[in-house]
């Protein structure tokens, strides 16, 4: 897959992970919140690496 195909997928993943992070934080489930926080950060880092290469 090229950058034009991956970028929307990363953005969708970031949005979904951020929503799940918010949901679990407000629900008081810290373990799931930490996991989705890490997933969100990982996707942001990968997206930045992808856009930095272009």
C-alpha atoms as a PDB file:
ATOM      1  CA  UNK A   1       0.000   0.000   0.000  1.00  0.00           C
ATOM      2  CA  UNK A   2       1.205   3.487  -0.731  1.00  0.00           C
ATOM      3  CA  UNK A   3       1.038   6.645   1.362  1.00  0.00           C
ATOM      4  CA  UNK A   4      -2.234   7.811  -0.183  1.00  0.00           C
ATOM      5  CA  UNK A   5      -3.918   4.572   0.868  1.00  0.00           C
ATOM      6  CA  UNK A   6      -2.360   4.312   4.328  1.00  0.00           C
ATOM      7  CA  UNK A   7      -2.953   7.866   5.543  1.00  0.00           C
ATOM      8  CA  UNK A   8      -6.781   7.608   5.788  1.00  0.00           C
ATOM      9  CA  UNK A   9      -6.471   4.246   7.517  1.00  0.00           C
ATOM     10  CA  UNK A  10      -4.113   5.665  10.119  1.00  0.00           C
ATOM     11  CA  UNK A  11      -6.406   8.650  10.669  1.00  0.00           C
ATOM     12  CA  UNK A  12      -9.405   6.358  11.080  1.00  0.00           C
ATOM     13  CA  UNK A  13      -7.459   4.186  13.528  1.00  0.00           C
ATOM     14  CA  UNK A  14      -6.352   7.217  15.523  1.00  0.00           C
ATOM     15  CA  UNK A  15      -9.917   8.515  15.720  1.00  0.00           C
ATOM     16  CA  UNK A  16     -11.298   5.136  16.802  1.00  0.00           C
ATOM     17  CA  UNK A  17      -8.550   4.641  19.390  1.00  0.00           C
ATOM     18  CA  UNK A  18      -8.984   8.149  20.764  1.00  0.00           C
ATOM     19  CA  UNK A  19     -12.732   7.567  21.120  1.00  0.00           C
ATOM     20  CA  UNK A  20     -12.133   4.251  22.882  1.00  0.00           C
ATOM     21  CA  UNK A  21      -9.577   5.955  25.127  1.00  0.00           C
ATOM     22  CA  UNK A  22     -12.106   8.655  26.062  1.00  0.00           C
ATOM     23  CA  UNK A  23     -14.821   6.041  26.640  1.00  0.00           C
ATOM     24  CA  UNK A  24     -12.733   3.904  28.966  1.00  0.00           C
ATOM     25  CA  UNK A  25     -11.363   6.906  30.870  1.00  0.00           C
ATOM     26  CA  UNK A  26     -14.889   8.140  31.577  1.00  0.00           C
ATOM     27  CA  UNK A  27     -16.012   4.605  32.472  1.00  0.00           C
ATOM     28  CA  UNK A  28     -13.174   4.298  34.973  1.00  0.00           C
ATOM     29  CA  UNK A  29     -11.518   1.310  33.341  1.00  0.00           C
ATOM     30  CA  UNK A  30      -7.876   2.307  33.620  1.00  0.00           C
ATOM     31  CA  UNK A  31      -6.310  -0.811  32.108  1.00  0.00           C
ATOM     32  CA  UNK A  32      -8.227  -0.492  28.839  1.00  0.00           C
ATOM     33  CA  UNK A  33      -7.618   3.260  28.799  1.00  0.00           C
ATOM     34  CA  UNK A  34      -3.865   2.704  29.027  1.00  0.00           C
ATOM     35  CA  UNK A  35      -3.964   0.158  26.211  1.00  0.00           C
ATOM     36  CA  UNK A  36      -5.903   2.458  23.904  1.00  0.00           C
ATOM     37  CA  UNK A  37      -3.643   5.356  24.864  1.00  0.00           C
ATOM     38  CA  UNK A  38      -0.644   3.323  23.745  1.00  0.00           C
ATOM     39  CA  UNK A  39      -2.385   2.305  20.527  1.00  0.00           C
ATOM     40  CA  UNK A  40      -3.224   5.947  19.786  1.00  0.00           C
ATOM     41  CA  UNK A  41       0.345   7.083  20.401  1.00  0.00           C
ATOM     42  CA  UNK A  42       1.720   4.258  18.250  1.00  0.00           C
ATOM     43  CA  UNK A  43      -0.560   5.148  15.352  1.00  0.00           C
ATOM     44  CA  UNK A  44       0.337   8.838  15.608  1.00  0.00           C
ATOM     45  CA  UNK A  45       4.059   8.011  15.551  1.00  0.00           C
ATOM     46  CA  UNK A  46       3.637   5.719  12.544  1.00  0.00           C
ATOM     47  CA  UNK A  47       1.606   8.362  10.706  1.00  0.00           C
ATOM     48  CA  UNK A  48       4.276  10.980  11.390  1.00  0.00           C
ATOM     49  CA  UNK A  49       6.980   8.635  10.073  1.00  0.00           C
ATOM     50  CA  UNK A  50       4.887   7.980   6.974  1.00  0.00           C
ATOM     51  CA  UNK A  51       4.351  11.652   6.232  1.00  0.00           C
ATOM     52  CA  UNK A  52       7.977  12.559   7.040  1.00  0.00           C
ATOM     53  CA  UNK A  53       9.229  10.184   4.355  1.00  0.00           C
ATOM     54  CA  UNK A  54       7.351  11.998   1.604  1.00  0.00           C
END
